[in-house]
Amino acid sequence: MNSLSKRRVALGAFFFFVGLCFASWAARIPDIQAKFDLSEGQLGTLLLFLPLGSVIGLPIAGWAVHQFGSRIVIMVGAVAYALTLPLIGLAPSTWLLVPVLILYGMLGNTMNISLNTQALNLEDQMGKSILASFHGLWSMAGFTGAGIGALMIYLGLTPAAHYAVIAGISFIIIFSAQSYIIKEKAASADGGLVLKKPDALLLRISLIAFLGMMCEGCMFDWSGVYFKKVVMADPSLIALGYVAFMGTMASGRFLTDKIAARYTKVAVIQVSGLLIFAGLTLAVVFPTVGVATFGFLLVGLGVASIIPLSYSIAGRSKLYAPSVALALVSTISFFGFLLGPPLIGFVADLFNLKTSFAMVAVSALGITVLSSFRKSVFLIPQKIKAKPNP
């Protein structure tokens, strides 16, 4: 295994570690609710503090990576992220849990920006698209974290004990892989805190990523509800749509790089928007278990490529350092993930849930339209030219 391959494995391990930590936190949310005797509304309010921390952390992360390099930010952020997880389980009150969740959100997006910056650097060194496969590892970690969470619940371990186990696994990954995370050359592009207007390229990519994240948030939060209330599936099949979506999203990310290398990133994004539209339309028009499940499979395939390819395109901005460009796109796109699910609930209250999903289906067409109109603005080469191995 050559040095670039070793770096790819090590960086993949870091993506897996971040996904494992996040999934482990999510797996014990019901236990956190029970611990503090929170109502549904109180839990919803509490959960908003993590994305709040994510939004706060995005411009800071872009600046830190540009200023100090992605390696040092990854190493400091990884240790802090692993240590913060047990603090969530140990928090004795919601007043102390709130700042921990904000910190956890900030660290999560710090890892997001720094890891993707490191991945783009490695992608350039290897001369081929590899970013989507890292996001696939993050998705695989979600399945692993959910499985470990179920085991911990079965064994009767508290969230604090569960999170301590995950922190231990995390430190093994961090210290086993850290020597292969390199310090990239200092960027000459504009740095600084990300509080500026994106250029035409980044704005277009940000809007595409925004719509992709809105669709992703819809599936994460509402797929089970849709199967229960619209499809009216048997209780044992309510999670089927979510599993179908997650399965194709994770597997699709391992295929995205090869497909994008053959057909270009723009073409893949265009087809992705059509897949999401087709999948959601099928689920709305034919709300049966079989058709809706197939529809959600298509949505997973469509969503799989949006964020990895958006990041890959943004990281090659000619006006901003990769870390700053990623933070700009992430800041805008993240609001899609944050605002999409509540918007779906609002529309469902006014009309019904089928109308909400139809709205998301139409918005997915915006992905195709935005990536089709004046394609030259993307300035994407057919192949990435490999840089000399440092």
Protein backbone atom coordinates (compact mmCIF):
# COMPACT_ATOMS: atom_id res chain seq x y z
CA MET A 1 0.00 0.00 0.00
CA ASN A 2 1.56 3.32 -1.08
CA SER A 3 1.58 6.50 1.01
CA LEU A 4 -1.49 7.99 -0.69
CA SER A 5 -3.51 4.83 -0.10
CA LYS A 6 -2.49 4.81 3.56
CA ARG A 7 -3.57 8.44 3.86
CA ARG A 8 -6.90 7.57 2.26
CA VAL A 9 -7.52 4.74 4.75
CA ALA A 10 -6.52 6.93 7.70
CA LEU A 11 -8.69 9.83 6.59
CA GLY A 12 -11.58 7.44 6.02
CA ALA A 13 -11.16 6.25 9.60
CA PHE A 14 -11.57 9.84 10.81
CA PHE A 15 -14.77 10.27 8.78
CA PHE A 16 -16.04 7.01 10.30
CA PHE A 17 -15.15 8.18 13.81
CA VAL A 18 -17.12 11.43 13.41
CA GLY A 19 -20.15 9.58 12.04
CA LEU A 20 -19.95 7.03 14.86
CA CYS A 21 -19.93 9.74 17.53
CA PHE A 22 -22.87 11.59 15.99
CA ALA A 23 -24.94 8.42 15.54
CA SER A 24 -24.19 7.38 19.12
CA TRP A 25 -25.50 10.68 20.43
CA ALA A 26 -28.65 10.39 18.31
CA ALA A 27 -29.29 6.79 19.41
CA ARG A 28 -29.75 7.85 23.04
CA ILE A 29 -31.90 10.95 22.57
CA PRO A 30 -34.99 9.13 23.96
CA ASP A 31 -33.00 8.30 27.10
CA ILE A 32 -31.90 11.93 27.43
CA GLN A 33 -35.57 12.93 27.18
CA ALA A 34 -36.53 10.44 29.88
CA LYS A 35 -33.64 11.47 32.13
CA PHE A 36 -34.81 15.07 32.30
CA ASP A 37 -38.54 14.27 31.93
CA LEU A 38 -38.88 16.50 28.86
CA SER A 39 -42.06 16.98 26.87
CA GLU A 40 -41.93 16.70 23.08
CA GLY A 41 -41.81 20.48 22.78
CA GLN A 42 -39.08 20.81 25.40
CA LEU A 43 -37.01 18.12 23.67
CA GLY A 44 -37.46 19.88 20.33
CA THR A 45 -36.21 23.12 21.86
CA LEU A 46 -33.23 21.36 23.43
CA LEU A 47 -32.28 19.71 20.15
CA LEU A 48 -32.09 23.10 18.43
CA PHE A 49 -28.95 24.00 20.39
CA LEU A 50 -26.80 21.45 18.56
CA PRO A 51 -27.50 22.91 15.08
CA LEU A 52 -27.10 26.37 16.64
CA GLY A 53 -23.58 25.37 17.64
CA SER A 54 -23.02 24.02 14.13
CA VAL A 55 -23.93 27.36 12.57
CA ILE A 56 -21.72 29.25 15.03
CA GLY A 57 -18.84 26.89 14.35
CA LEU A 58 -18.86 27.05 10.55
CA PRO A 59 -17.16 30.44 9.97
CA ILE A 60 -14.76 29.81 12.84
CA ALA A 61 -13.80 26.43 11.37
CA GLY A 62 -13.18 27.92 7.92
CA TRP A 63 -10.92 30.57 9.43
CA ALA A 64 -9.06 28.12 11.70
CA VAL A 65 -8.30 25.66 8.91
CA HIS A 66 -7.08 28.46 6.63
CA GLN A 67 -4.99 29.97 9.42
CA PHE A 68 -3.46 26.86 11.00
CA GLY A 69 -3.96 24.10 8.40
CA SER A 70 -6.39 21.20 8.44
CA ARG A 71 -4.09 18.76 10.28
CA ILE A 72 -3.85 20.67 13.54
CA VAL A 73 -7.57 21.49 13.47
CA ILE A 74 -8.42 17.83 12.84
CA MET A 75 -6.26 16.60 15.70
CA VAL A 76 -7.39 19.17 18.27
CA GLY A 77 -11.00 18.93 17.11
CA ALA A 78 -11.05 15.12 17.13
CA VAL A 79 -9.81 14.86 20.70
CA ALA A 80 -12.26 17.54 21.85
CA TYR A 81 -15.14 15.91 19.95
CA ALA A 82 -14.46 12.50 21.50
CA LEU A 83 -14.21 14.01 25.00
CA THR A 84 -17.35 16.11 24.65
CA LEU A 85 -19.60 13.11 23.87
CA PRO A 86 -19.41 11.63 27.42
CA LEU A 87 -20.07 15.10 28.85
CA ILE A 88 -23.51 14.97 27.20
CA GLY A 89 -24.34 11.83 29.14
CA LEU A 90 -22.87 13.21 32.39
CA ALA A 91 -24.71 16.57 32.31
CA PRO A 92 -26.79 16.73 35.53
CA SER A 93 -29.26 19.34 34.26
CA THR A 94 -30.55 20.83 31.03
CA TRP A 95 -28.88 24.12 31.94
CA LEU A 96 -25.50 22.40 31.75
CA LEU A 97 -26.51 20.21 28.82
CA VAL A 98 -27.29 23.22 26.60
CA PRO A 99 -23.71 24.62 26.45
CA VAL A 100 -22.35 21.10 25.94
CA LEU A 101 -24.67 20.59 22.95
CA ILE A 102 -23.64 23.95 21.50
CA LEU A 103 -19.97 22.97 21.88
CA TYR A 104 -20.67 19.56 20.35
CA GLY A 105 -22.31 21.20 17.35
CA MET A 106 -19.39 23.60 16.92
CA LEU A 107 -16.86 20.77 17.09
CA GLY A 108 -18.89 18.64 14.70
CA ASN A 109 -18.75 21.22 11.95
CA THR A 110 -15.14 22.00 12.73
CA MET A 111 -14.41 18.36 11.96
CA ASN A 112 -16.63 18.59 8.87
CA ILE A 113 -14.70 21.51 7.36
CA SER A 114 -11.22 20.30 8.33
CA LEU A 115 -11.76 16.70 7.17
CA ASN A 116 -13.24 17.76 3.85
CA THR A 117 -10.37 20.19 3.31
CA GLN A 118 -7.89 17.38 3.97
CA ALA A 119 -9.89 15.11 1.65
CA LEU A 120 -9.81 17.66 -1.18
CA ASN A 121 -6.05 17.95 -0.79
CA LEU A 122 -5.71 14.18 -1.02
CA GLU A 123 -8.11 14.10 -3.97
CA ASP A 124 -5.81 16.51 -5.82
CA GLN A 125 -2.77 14.39 -4.96
CA MET A 126 -4.43 11.20 -6.23
CA GLY A 127 -5.81 12.85 -9.36
CA LYS A 128 -9.29 11.34 -9.08
CA SER A 129 -12.59 11.91 -7.27
CA ILE A 130 -12.65 10.24 -3.84
CA LEU A 131 -14.60 12.67 -1.65
CA ALA A 132 -17.95 10.86 -1.90
CA SER A 133 -16.45 7.61 -0.59
CA PHE A 134 -15.48 9.40 2.63
CA HIS A 135 -19.06 10.58 3.03
CA GLY A 136 -20.11 6.99 2.45
CA LEU A 137 -17.98 5.93 5.42
CA TRP A 138 -19.72 8.59 7.51
CA SER A 139 -23.07 7.09 6.52
CA MET A 140 -21.85 3.56 7.29
CA ALA A 141 -20.81 4.79 10.72
CA GLY A 142 -24.41 5.90 11.21
CA PHE A 143 -25.59 2.31 10.84
CA THR A 144 -22.79 1.08 13.11
CA GLY A 145 -23.55 3.68 15.76
CA ALA A 146 -27.25 2.83 15.71
CA GLY A 147 -26.42 -0.87 16.12
CA ILE A 148 -24.05 -0.25 19.01
CA GLY A 149 -26.66 2.01 20.59
CA ALA A 150 -29.27 -0.74 20.41
CA LEU A 151 -26.80 -3.15 22.04
CA MET A 152 -25.98 -0.68 24.82
CA ILE A 153 -29.68 -0.16 25.52
CA TYR A 154 -30.20 -3.94 25.61
CA LEU A 155 -27.32 -4.28 28.09
CA GLY A 156 -28.82 -1.56 30.26
CA LEU A 157 -25.88 0.86 30.02
CA THR A 158 -26.57 4.52 30.70
CA PRO A 159 -25.90 7.10 27.99
CA ALA A 160 -22.81 8.24 29.92
CA ALA A 161 -21.36 4.71 29.96
CA HIS A 162 -22.30 4.18 26.31
CA TYR A 163 -20.63 7.44 25.30
CA ALA A 164 -17.51 6.56 27.30
CA VAL A 165 -17.19 3.33 25.32
CA ILE A 166 -17.52 5.26 22.04
CA ALA A 167 -14.93 7.78 23.27
CA GLY A 168 -12.53 4.89 23.93
CA ILE A 169 -13.07 3.50 20.42
CA SER A 170 -12.60 7.03 19.07
CA PHE A 171 -9.21 7.48 20.72
CA ILE A 172 -8.02 4.19 19.26
CA ILE A 173 -8.98 5.45 15.78
CA ILE A 174 -7.48 8.91 16.35
CA PHE A 175 -4.08 7.75 17.55
CA SER A 176 -3.85 4.89 15.05
CA ALA A 177 -4.53 7.15 12.06
CA GLN A 178 -3.09 10.51 13.10
CA SER A 179 0.38 10.02 11.59
CA TYR A 180 -1.13 9.84 8.08
CA ILE A 181 -2.97 13.16 8.36
CA ILE A 182 -0.58 15.62 6.73
CA LYS A 183 -0.07 19.34 6.97
CA GLU A 184 -0.99 20.80 3.58
CA LYS A 185 0.77 23.77 2.07
CA ALA A 186 -0.50 27.16 3.18
CA ALA A 187 -3.20 28.53 0.89
CA SER A 188 -2.70 31.89 -0.77
CA ALA A 189 -6.40 32.50 -1.32
CA ASP A 190 -8.42 34.88 0.76
CA GLY A 191 -8.91 33.67 4.32
CA GLY A 192 -10.52 35.23 7.34
CA LEU A 193 -13.84 34.68 9.02
CA VAL A 194 -16.55 33.60 6.62
CA LEU A 195 -18.88 36.58 6.75
CA LYS A 196 -18.73 37.60 3.10
CA LYS A 197 -20.94 37.14 0.06
CA PRO A 198 -20.11 34.08 -2.07
CA ASP A 199 -19.31 34.55 -5.74
CA ALA A 200 -21.54 33.23 -8.56
CA LEU A 201 -20.02 29.72 -8.46
CA LEU A 202 -20.29 29.30 -4.69
CA LEU A 203 -23.77 30.80 -4.59
CA ARG A 204 -24.99 28.34 -7.23
CA ILE A 205 -23.38 25.39 -5.47
CA SER A 206 -24.68 26.59 -2.09
CA LEU A 207 -28.26 26.69 -3.37
CA ILE A 208 -27.91 23.19 -4.83
CA ALA A 209 -26.52 21.94 -1.53
CA PHE A 210 -29.29 23.79 0.35
CA LEU A 211 -31.97 21.95 -1.63
CA GLY A 212 -30.13 18.65 -1.24
CA MET A 213 -29.86 19.10 2.52
CA MET A 214 -33.54 20.04 2.73
CA CYS A 215 -34.45 16.75 1.02
CA GLU A 216 -32.06 14.87 3.30
CA GLY A 217 -33.55 16.46 6.42
CA CYS A 218 -37.03 15.62 5.19
CA MET A 219 -36.14 11.94 4.91
CA PHE A 220 -34.31 11.81 8.24
CA ASP A 221 -37.15 13.36 10.23
CA TRP A 222 -40.33 12.54 8.32
CA SER A 223 -39.91 9.23 6.47
CA GLY A 224 -41.16 7.20 9.44
CA VAL A 225 -44.09 9.54 9.99
CA TYR A 226 -44.98 9.34 6.29
CA PHE A 227 -45.03 5.55 6.38
CA LYS A 228 -47.18 5.62 9.50
CA LYS A 229 -49.74 8.27 8.58
CA VAL A 230 -49.85 8.28 4.76
CA VAL A 231 -48.71 4.81 3.70
CA MET A 232 -50.40 3.40 6.82
CA ALA A 233 -47.85 0.61 6.98
CA ASP A 234 -47.95 -2.15 9.54
CA PRO A 235 -46.10 -1.03 12.73
CA SER A 236 -43.33 -3.52 11.95
CA LEU A 237 -42.76 -1.83 8.57
CA ILE A 238 -42.84 1.83 9.62
CA ALA A 239 -39.04 2.09 9.58
CA LEU A 240 -38.77 0.40 6.17
CA GLY A 241 -38.76 3.65 4.20
CA TYR A 242 -36.03 5.17 6.37
CA VAL A 243 -33.88 2.05 6.10
CA ALA A 244 -34.34 1.99 2.32
CA PHE A 245 -33.34 5.65 2.05
CA MET A 246 -30.30 5.29 4.32
CA GLY A 247 -29.15 2.11 2.60
CA THR A 248 -29.09 3.58 -0.90
CA MET A 249 -27.68 6.90 0.31
CA ALA A 250 -24.74 5.14 1.98
CA SER A 251 -24.07 2.72 -0.88
CA GLY A 252 -24.62 5.44 -3.49
CA ARG A 253 -21.80 7.49 -2.02
CA PHE A 254 -19.34 4.69 -2.72
CA LEU A 255 -20.43 4.72 -6.39
CA THR A 256 -20.58 8.50 -6.85
CA ASP A 257 -16.86 9.05 -7.41
CA LYS A 258 -16.58 6.51 -10.24
CA ILE A 259 -19.78 7.68 -11.92
CA ALA A 260 -18.77 11.35 -11.63
CA ALA A 261 -15.35 10.58 -13.10
CA ARG A 262 -17.03 8.99 -16.13
CA TYR A 263 -19.98 11.33 -16.71
CA THR A 264 -18.82 14.59 -14.96
CA LYS A 265 -20.01 16.00 -11.68
CA VAL A 266 -22.55 18.30 -13.29
CA ALA A 267 -24.29 15.39 -15.02
CA VAL A 268 -24.45 13.40 -11.78
CA ILE A 269 -25.97 16.35 -9.91
CA GLN A 270 -28.55 16.82 -12.66
CA VAL A 271 -29.61 13.17 -12.52
CA SER A 272 -29.60 13.26 -8.71
CA GLY A 273 -32.24 15.99 -8.69
CA LEU A 274 -34.39 13.94 -11.08
CA LEU A 275 -34.02 10.81 -8.93
CA ILE A 276 -35.18 12.68 -5.82
CA PHE A 277 -38.13 14.15 -7.73
CA ALA A 278 -39.11 10.77 -9.20
CA GLY A 279 -38.80 8.96 -5.87
CA LEU A 280 -40.87 11.43 -3.87
CA THR A 281 -43.46 11.72 -6.65
CA LEU A 282 -43.94 7.94 -6.65
CA ALA A 283 -44.38 7.96 -2.87
CA VAL A 284 -46.96 10.76 -3.10
CA VAL A 285 -48.97 9.44 -6.06
CA PHE A 286 -48.85 5.75 -5.05
CA PRO A 287 -48.58 5.67 -1.22
CA THR A 288 -48.35 1.90 -0.86
CA VAL A 289 -45.63 0.08 1.05
CA GLY A 290 -43.97 -1.36 -2.06
CA VAL A 291 -44.05 1.75 -4.25
CA ALA A 292 -43.17 4.17 -1.43
CA THR A 293 -40.22 2.00 -0.41
CA PHE A 294 -38.97 1.94 -4.01
CA GLY A 295 -39.47 5.70 -4.16
CA PHE A 296 -37.41 6.22 -1.01
CA LEU A 297 -34.69 4.01 -2.51
CA LEU A 298 -34.51 6.43 -5.44
CA VAL A 299 -34.41 9.42 -3.09
CA GLY A 300 -31.46 7.89 -1.24
CA LEU A 301 -29.57 7.43 -4.50
CA GLY A 302 -30.31 11.03 -5.46
CA VAL A 303 -29.32 12.55 -2.14
CA ALA A 304 -26.10 10.50 -1.98
CA SER A 305 -24.08 12.64 -4.38
CA ILE A 306 -25.33 16.18 -3.70
CA ILE A 307 -23.17 17.18 -0.72
CA PRO A 308 -19.94 15.33 -1.67
CA LEU A 309 -19.94 16.72 -5.20
CA SER A 310 -20.96 20.20 -4.02
CA TYR A 311 -18.04 20.23 -1.60
CA SER A 312 -15.67 18.94 -4.27
CA ILE A 313 -16.67 21.71 -6.69
CA ALA A 314 -16.63 24.42 -3.99
CA GLY A 315 -13.18 23.38 -2.78
CA ARG A 316 -11.74 24.36 -6.15
CA SER A 317 -12.93 27.95 -6.03
CA LYS A 318 -10.44 30.34 -7.58
CA LEU A 319 -11.32 33.14 -5.15
CA TYR A 320 -11.27 31.42 -1.76
CA ALA A 321 -9.12 28.94 0.12
CA PRO A 322 -10.74 25.46 0.15
CA SER A 323 -11.59 25.69 3.86
CA VAL A 324 -13.26 29.08 3.44
CA ALA A 325 -15.18 27.97 0.34
CA LEU A 326 -16.38 24.84 2.15
CA ALA A 327 -17.51 26.88 5.14
CA LEU A 328 -19.42 29.29 2.89
CA VAL A 329 -21.26 26.47 1.13
CA SER A 330 -21.83 24.57 4.38
CA THR A 331 -23.22 27.65 6.13
CA ILE A 332 -25.88 28.17 3.45
CA SER A 333 -26.65 24.50 2.83
CA PHE A 334 -26.95 23.68 6.51
CA PHE A 335 -29.98 25.95 6.77
CA GLY A 336 -31.72 23.59 4.35
CA PHE A 337 -31.21 20.76 6.82
CA LEU A 338 -32.26 23.00 9.70
CA LEU A 339 -35.29 24.72 8.15
CA GLY A 340 -36.59 21.94 5.89
CA PRO A 341 -38.15 19.61 8.50
CA PRO A 342 -40.05 22.38 10.37
CA LEU A 343 -41.29 23.75 7.03
CA ILE A 344 -42.63 20.31 6.15
CA GLY A 345 -44.52 20.21 9.45
CA PHE A 346 -45.95 23.69 8.85
CA VAL A 347 -47.18 22.80 5.36
CA ALA A 348 -48.57 19.50 6.67
CA ASP A 349 -50.59 21.41 9.29
CA LEU A 350 -52.02 23.71 6.61
CA PHE A 351 -52.71 20.95 4.08
CA ASN A 352 -51.42 17.41 4.62
CA LEU A 353 -48.18 15.41 4.67
CA LYS A 354 -48.54 14.33 1.03
CA THR A 355 -48.56 18.00 0.04
CA SER A 356 -45.38 18.55 2.05
CA PHE A 357 -43.59 15.71 0.29
CA ALA A 358 -44.85 16.96 -3.08
CA MET A 359 -43.34 20.37 -2.24
CA VAL A 360 -39.98 18.75 -1.50
CA ALA A 361 -40.22 16.79 -4.76
CA VAL A 362 -40.70 20.01 -6.73
CA SER A 363 -37.80 21.66 -4.88
CA ALA A 364 -35.58 18.74 -5.95
CA LEU A 365 -36.16 19.79 -9.56
CA GLY A 366 -34.42 23.02 -8.58
CA ILE A 367 -31.23 20.99 -8.16
CA THR A 368 -31.42 19.88 -11.77
CA VAL A 369 -32.34 23.35 -13.04
CA LEU A 370 -29.56 25.09 -11.12
CA SER A 371 -26.96 22.63 -12.38
CA SER A 372 -28.23 22.86 -15.98
CA PHE A 373 -28.52 26.61 -16.46
CA ARG A 374 -25.22 28.09 -17.69
CA LYS A 375 -23.19 25.01 -16.83
CA SER A 376 -19.97 26.86 -17.72
CA VAL A 377 -20.18 28.70 -14.41
CA PHE A 378 -19.09 25.49 -12.67
CA LEU A 379 -15.74 25.47 -14.46
CA ILE A 380 -15.28 21.77 -13.68
CA PRO A 381 -12.53 19.90 -15.49
CA GLN A 382 -13.36 16.42 -16.80
CA LYS A 383 -10.51 14.95 -14.78
CA ILE A 384 -8.59 16.15 -11.76
CA LYS A 385 -4.96 16.65 -12.58
CA ALA A 386 -2.84 14.84 -10.05
CA LYS A 387 -0.34 16.88 -8.09
CA PRO A 388 3.11 15.53 -7.25
CA ASN A 389 3.17 13.41 -4.11
CA PRO A 390 4.71 15.52 -1.33
